Amino acid sequence: MKIASLLPSATEIVCALGLEKSLVGITHECDFPESIAGKPHLTASRISHETMSSAEIDHAVRRQLDGHGSIYDLDTARLEQLKPDLIITQELCEVCAVSYRQVEKAAKMYVADAQVVSLEPNTISDIFDNIKTVGDLTGTGDRAEIVVAELSNRLDKIREKTLKLKKRPRVFVLEWLEPPFAPGHWTPEQVEIAGGACLLGTAGEKSQTTTYREIAESNPEIIVLAPCGYYTDDILRQLPNTKFPAYFKEIAAFQTGEIWALDASAYFSRPAPRVVNGAEILAKIFHPEIFGAPNEAEAVRISPDLFRFEN
């Protein structure tokens, strides 16, 4: 079977099932595992995370989508050339990947025999179901069951240690810098499993824009910077381009220095096996006395001095 993955998360799932050699095409954002480097790219972005601020990216995305356009290009010529048997895409978020309608239309025109499958996870349980679905579609159902069992076991080990905690820190996960977004989908679950109390976000629901005032009023004891699609280096690069209100200095997390930057692409943005790694890292941040402190490859503590504040 020849597989075209139009989602970085699907690429990770396919590889976790031992099907890396079956991948004939991936997206421009697929970067894990590293061994997939060199596989043909079927997509390109019209927006640059490297050269634009978070506010500029948000404006460009809204402008494109409000005009019913797309922020991604699909290489239909290469898709036709590769002739995949299975195309994995999504309908969950037009900001995250090529839209389902765009893929479905291209498949009908250029690879009519291909099966197009859309993955729509909203929770960790849904992510695990997606892994099983890909397993069923590719004849690796047994392997999928093993992968899900291992991931579930890792989460259970965290739960065993956090379930009866009397003290759960108030946590705000910032899913976009400007405008600020509150966490949604599976991220609140990651926070709760790790022994935190998630602020302003609801498990299984979409991420929503919030305000800096609402964040301040929730007074988080820990702030996790995990803007969607950003790597840790992106966060560090973008912080100087973002102005926060002066009253942020009064937030508990700023007073104690409990501000952390994490690789959102690896551990939060993509509904793939590594969301479990994300929960494990959060547990280390929230309760180092139980899980040990995270290393710098897992999370970077951000000094409040690195933030720019309005006068």
Protein backbone atom coordinates (compact mmCIF):
# COMPACT_ATOMS: atom_id res chain seq x y z
CA MET A 1 0.00 0.00 0.00
CA LYS A 2 1.21 3.47 -0.94
CA ILE A 3 0.27 6.11 1.64
CA ALA A 4 0.14 9.89 1.25
CA SER A 5 0.00 11.72 4.57
CA LEU A 6 -1.30 15.29 4.49
CA LEU A 7 -0.96 15.66 8.25
CA PRO A 8 2.22 15.68 10.35
CA SER A 9 0.29 13.77 13.03
CA ALA A 10 -0.77 11.12 10.53
CA THR A 11 2.83 10.77 9.41
CA GLU A 12 3.85 10.11 13.01
CA ILE A 13 1.07 7.55 13.41
CA VAL A 14 1.97 5.76 10.17
CA CYS A 15 5.60 5.53 11.25
CA ALA A 16 4.65 4.35 14.76
CA LEU A 17 2.86 1.47 13.04
CA GLY A 18 6.02 0.50 11.18
CA LEU A 19 4.81 1.75 7.79
CA GLU A 20 7.44 4.36 7.04
CA LYS A 21 8.47 2.62 3.82
CA SER A 22 4.87 2.83 2.61
CA LEU A 23 4.86 6.63 2.86
CA VAL A 24 5.19 7.99 -0.67
CA GLY A 25 4.33 11.63 0.14
CA ILE A 26 4.20 13.88 3.19
CA THR A 27 3.61 17.54 4.07
CA HIS A 28 6.21 20.30 4.21
CA GLU A 29 5.76 20.32 8.00
CA CYS A 30 6.38 16.61 8.58
CA ASP A 31 9.62 16.33 10.52
CA PHE A 32 9.22 13.33 12.80
CA PRO A 33 10.72 10.82 12.83
CA GLU A 34 13.83 12.38 11.32
CA SER A 35 14.24 9.41 8.99
CA ILE A 36 11.37 10.66 6.80
CA ALA A 37 13.48 13.58 5.59
CA GLY A 38 13.77 13.44 1.83
CA LYS A 39 10.33 12.03 1.14
CA PRO A 40 8.35 14.03 -1.45
CA HIS A 41 6.44 17.03 -0.13
CA LEU A 42 2.85 17.37 -1.30
CA THR A 43 2.07 20.70 0.38
CA ALA A 44 3.48 24.18 0.82
CA SER A 45 2.43 27.07 3.05
CA ARG A 46 1.58 30.58 1.90
CA ILE A 47 2.45 31.93 5.34
CA SER A 48 5.91 32.04 6.89
CA HIS A 49 6.26 31.28 10.59
CA GLU A 50 9.92 32.25 10.34
CA THR A 51 9.49 35.83 9.11
CA MET A 52 6.08 36.90 10.50
CA SER A 53 5.01 37.77 14.02
CA SER A 54 2.19 35.85 15.67
CA ALA A 55 -0.14 38.84 15.14
CA GLU A 56 0.79 38.99 11.44
CA ILE A 57 0.24 35.26 11.05
CA ASP A 58 -3.16 35.48 12.72
CA HIS A 59 -4.18 38.37 10.45
CA ALA A 60 -3.01 36.57 7.31
CA VAL A 61 -4.79 33.34 8.27
CA ARG A 62 -8.07 35.10 9.03
CA ARG A 63 -7.89 37.09 5.80
CA GLN A 64 -7.33 33.97 3.73
CA LEU A 65 -9.99 31.87 5.42
CA ASP A 66 -12.56 34.68 5.56
CA GLY A 67 -12.17 34.91 1.80
CA HIS A 68 -12.78 31.13 1.67
CA GLY A 69 -9.26 30.54 0.49
CA SER A 70 -6.56 28.27 1.88
CA ILE A 71 -3.22 28.95 3.50
CA TYR A 72 -1.79 25.81 1.88
CA ASP A 73 -1.04 24.71 -1.66
CA LEU A 74 -1.45 21.08 -2.68
CA ASP A 75 0.90 19.71 -5.33
CA THR A 76 -1.67 17.88 -7.44
CA ALA A 77 0.84 17.03 -10.17
CA ARG A 78 3.05 15.19 -7.71
CA LEU A 79 0.01 13.56 -6.11
CA GLU A 80 -1.03 12.22 -9.50
CA GLN A 81 2.51 11.02 -10.17
CA LEU A 82 2.81 9.17 -6.84
CA LYS A 83 -0.60 7.46 -7.19
CA PRO A 84 -1.19 6.70 -3.50
CA ASP A 85 -3.70 4.04 -2.49
CA LEU A 86 -4.53 5.83 0.77
CA ILE A 87 -4.62 9.57 1.45
CA ILE A 88 -4.88 10.65 5.09
CA THR A 89 -6.19 14.14 5.77
CA GLN A 90 -8.41 16.04 8.23
CA GLU A 91 -11.42 18.32 8.61
CA LEU A 92 -10.69 19.49 12.12
CA CYS A 93 -8.79 22.70 11.38
CA GLU A 94 -8.12 24.58 8.14
CA VAL A 95 -5.18 26.29 9.83
CA CYS A 96 -3.46 22.99 10.59
CA ALA A 97 -3.45 21.37 7.16
CA VAL A 98 -4.86 21.36 3.66
CA SER A 99 -8.66 21.40 3.86
CA TYR A 100 -10.60 18.18 3.39
CA ARG A 101 -12.60 19.69 0.54
CA GLN A 102 -9.43 20.60 -1.30
CA VAL A 103 -8.02 17.09 -0.86
CA GLU A 104 -11.27 15.36 -1.80
CA LYS A 105 -11.57 17.41 -4.98
CA ALA A 106 -7.95 16.73 -5.94
CA ALA A 107 -8.33 13.01 -5.26
CA LYS A 108 -11.35 12.76 -7.56
CA MET A 109 -9.51 14.57 -10.33
CA TYR A 110 -6.04 13.06 -10.09
CA VAL A 111 -6.13 9.78 -8.10
CA ALA A 112 -9.67 8.53 -8.41
CA ASP A 113 -8.82 5.08 -7.08
CA ALA A 114 -7.32 6.38 -3.84
CA GLN A 115 -9.17 6.07 -0.55
CA VAL A 116 -9.38 9.40 1.28
CA VAL A 117 -9.66 9.16 5.06
CA SER A 118 -10.22 12.11 7.39
CA LEU A 119 -9.01 11.98 10.99
CA GLU A 120 -11.04 14.12 13.43
CA PRO A 121 -9.69 13.81 16.98
CA ASN A 122 -10.87 16.09 19.78
CA THR A 123 -9.63 14.16 22.80
CA ILE A 124 -6.80 11.82 23.74
CA SER A 125 -9.21 8.91 23.40
CA ASP A 126 -9.97 10.07 19.86
CA ILE A 127 -6.25 10.16 19.08
CA PHE A 128 -5.92 6.56 20.23
CA ASP A 129 -8.94 5.62 18.10
CA ASN A 130 -7.27 7.29 15.11
CA ILE A 131 -4.21 5.13 15.61
CA LYS A 132 -6.43 2.05 15.56
CA THR A 133 -8.27 3.34 12.47
CA VAL A 134 -5.03 3.77 10.55
CA GLY A 135 -4.02 0.31 11.74
CA ASP A 136 -7.26 -1.19 10.41
CA LEU A 137 -6.88 0.58 7.07
CA THR A 138 -3.31 -0.58 6.60
CA GLY A 139 -3.51 -4.12 7.89
CA THR A 140 -1.54 -3.30 11.04
CA GLY A 141 -4.39 -3.55 13.52
CA ASP A 142 -2.43 -5.74 15.93
CA ARG A 143 0.48 -3.31 15.98
CA ALA A 144 -1.95 -0.42 16.56
CA GLU A 145 -3.43 -2.18 19.59
CA ILE A 146 0.06 -2.58 21.05
CA VAL A 147 0.97 1.08 20.43
CA VAL A 148 -2.25 2.31 22.06
CA ALA A 149 -1.83 -0.05 25.01
CA GLU A 150 1.70 1.24 25.62
CA LEU A 151 0.58 4.87 25.40
CA SER A 152 -2.38 4.25 27.71
CA ASN A 153 -0.12 2.55 30.22
CA ARG A 154 2.19 5.57 30.32
CA LEU A 155 -0.75 7.88 31.00
CA ASP A 156 -2.04 5.54 33.70
CA LYS A 157 1.32 5.71 35.46
CA ILE A 158 1.03 9.50 35.63
CA ARG A 159 -2.59 9.32 36.82
CA GLU A 160 -1.64 6.92 39.61
CA LYS A 161 0.62 9.59 41.07
CA THR A 162 -1.58 12.64 40.48
CA LEU A 163 -5.10 11.34 41.03
CA LYS A 164 -5.26 12.04 44.76
CA LEU A 165 -3.11 15.15 44.90
CA LYS A 166 -4.50 17.72 47.31
CA LYS A 167 -2.65 20.58 45.61
CA ARG A 168 -3.10 21.11 41.87
CA PRO A 169 -1.45 24.27 40.51
CA ARG A 170 -3.59 26.59 38.39
CA VAL A 171 -2.20 26.30 34.86
CA PHE A 172 -2.76 28.38 31.78
CA VAL A 173 -1.53 27.02 28.45
CA LEU A 174 -1.15 29.83 25.94
CA GLU A 175 -1.90 28.34 22.51
CA TRP A 176 -1.18 31.54 20.60
CA LEU A 177 0.69 34.68 21.59
CA GLU A 178 -1.22 37.45 19.81
CA PRO A 179 -4.15 37.36 20.02
CA PRO A 180 -4.01 35.04 23.02
CA PHE A 181 -5.73 31.67 22.67
CA ALA A 182 -6.93 29.47 25.50
CA PRO A 183 -6.30 25.71 25.20
CA GLY A 184 -8.74 23.25 23.71
CA HIS A 185 -9.11 19.72 22.34
CA TRP A 186 -6.79 17.31 24.22
CA THR A 187 -4.52 19.90 25.91
CA PRO A 188 -6.76 20.40 28.98
CA GLU A 189 -6.68 16.62 29.42
CA GLN A 190 -2.89 16.65 29.31
CA VAL A 191 -2.86 19.31 32.03
CA GLU A 192 -5.34 17.46 34.26
CA ILE A 193 -3.61 14.09 33.88
CA ALA A 194 -0.31 15.76 34.78
CA GLY A 195 -1.78 17.03 38.03
CA GLY A 196 -2.71 20.60 37.11
CA ALA A 197 -5.95 22.57 37.04
CA CYS A 198 -6.47 23.83 33.50
CA LEU A 199 -7.67 27.44 33.28
CA LEU A 200 -9.92 28.91 30.57
CA GLY A 201 -9.91 25.75 28.43
CA THR A 202 -12.31 22.83 28.06
CA ALA A 203 -11.33 19.31 27.05
CA GLY A 204 -12.80 18.23 23.73
CA GLU A 205 -13.73 21.77 22.72
CA LYS A 206 -12.00 24.03 20.21
CA SER A 207 -9.28 26.42 21.28
CA GLN A 208 -10.76 29.88 21.73
CA THR A 209 -9.46 33.41 21.66
CA THR A 210 -9.32 34.97 25.09
CA THR A 211 -8.02 38.26 26.44
CA TYR A 212 -4.95 39.18 28.42
CA ARG A 213 -7.31 40.53 31.10
CA GLU A 214 -9.07 37.16 31.43
CA ILE A 215 -5.73 35.41 31.73
CA ALA A 216 -4.61 37.81 34.44
CA GLU A 217 -7.87 37.47 36.35
CA SER A 218 -7.54 33.67 36.32
CA ASN A 219 -4.14 34.25 38.01
CA PRO A 220 -2.30 31.11 36.87
CA GLU A 221 0.43 29.77 39.10
CA ILE A 222 2.10 28.21 36.06
CA ILE A 223 2.06 29.50 32.48
CA VAL A 224 2.96 27.13 29.65
CA LEU A 225 3.81 28.76 26.34
CA ALA A 226 2.82 26.32 23.60
CA PRO A 227 1.64 28.33 20.56
CA CYS A 228 0.16 26.04 17.94
CA GLY A 229 2.76 24.82 15.48
CA TYR A 230 5.68 26.53 17.24
CA TYR A 231 8.93 24.97 18.29
CA THR A 232 10.67 26.26 21.42
CA ASP A 233 13.04 28.37 19.32
CA ASP A 234 10.04 29.98 17.60
CA ILE A 235 8.64 31.01 20.98
CA LEU A 236 11.93 32.55 22.07
CA ARG A 237 12.17 34.40 18.77
CA GLN A 238 8.60 35.69 18.92
CA LEU A 239 8.52 36.90 22.52
CA PRO A 240 10.39 40.15 21.77
CA ASN A 241 7.78 40.89 19.07
CA THR A 242 4.86 40.57 21.49
CA LYS A 243 3.80 43.22 24.00
CA PHE A 244 1.99 42.09 27.13
CA PRO A 245 0.02 44.38 29.45
CA ALA A 246 1.92 45.72 32.45
CA TYR A 247 -0.52 44.05 34.86
CA PHE A 248 0.82 40.65 33.75
CA LYS A 249 3.68 41.29 36.16
CA GLU A 250 1.23 40.73 39.01
CA ILE A 251 0.22 37.22 37.87
CA ALA A 252 1.37 34.54 40.29
CA ALA A 253 3.42 32.75 37.62
CA PHE A 254 5.36 35.96 36.88
CA GLN A 255 6.00 36.52 40.57
CA THR A 256 7.51 33.06 41.04
CA GLY A 257 9.08 32.60 37.61
CA GLU A 258 6.93 29.59 36.74
CA ILE A 259 6.78 30.31 33.01
CA TRP A 260 7.76 27.54 30.61
CA ALA A 261 8.19 27.20 26.86
CA LEU A 262 7.55 23.81 25.30
CA ASP A 263 7.79 22.38 21.80
CA ALA A 264 4.13 22.68 20.82
CA SER A 265 4.60 20.97 17.46
CA ALA A 266 5.95 17.85 19.10
CA TYR A 267 3.83 17.58 22.23
CA PHE A 268 0.59 19.56 21.89
CA SER A 269 -0.39 20.70 18.40
CA ARG A 270 -0.26 17.32 16.70
CA PRO A 271 -2.76 14.62 17.69
CA ALA A 272 -0.21 11.82 17.61
CA PRO A 273 1.57 9.50 20.07
CA ARG A 274 3.80 12.27 21.43
CA VAL A 275 0.88 13.95 23.24
CA VAL A 276 1.72 11.40 25.93
CA ASN A 277 5.25 12.83 26.08
CA GLY A 278 3.60 16.22 26.54
CA ALA A 279 1.66 15.01 29.56
CA GLU A 280 4.83 13.48 31.02
CA ILE A 281 6.73 16.77 30.63
CA LEU A 282 3.90 18.76 32.18
CA ALA A 283 3.93 16.41 35.17
CA LYS A 284 7.61 17.22 35.69
CA ILE A 285 6.88 20.95 35.55
CA PHE A 286 3.88 20.79 37.91
CA HIS A 287 5.26 18.25 40.39
CA PRO A 288 9.06 17.94 40.16
CA GLU A 289 9.07 16.55 43.70
CA ILE A 290 7.26 13.48 42.32
CA PHE A 291 8.43 13.17 38.71
CA GLY A 292 11.76 15.00 38.73
CA ALA A 293 12.45 18.26 36.96
CA PRO A 294 12.29 18.47 33.14
CA ASN A 295 15.56 18.75 31.27
CA GLU A 296 16.23 21.59 28.82
CA ALA A 297 15.40 19.40 25.84
CA GLU A 298 11.90 18.94 27.28
CA ALA A 299 11.06 22.41 28.59
CA VAL A 300 12.72 25.80 28.95
CA ARG A 301 12.01 28.06 31.91
CA ILE A 302 11.41 31.59 30.66
CA SER A 303 12.50 34.53 32.78
CA PRO A 304 9.84 37.22 33.19
CA ASP A 305 12.59 39.65 32.15
CA LEU A 306 12.36 38.33 28.58
CA PHE A 307 8.81 39.65 28.23
CA ARG A 308 8.03 43.07 26.77
CA PHE A 309 5.41 45.06 28.61
CA GLU A 310 3.32 48.03 27.59
CA ASN A 311 4.19 51.30 29.27
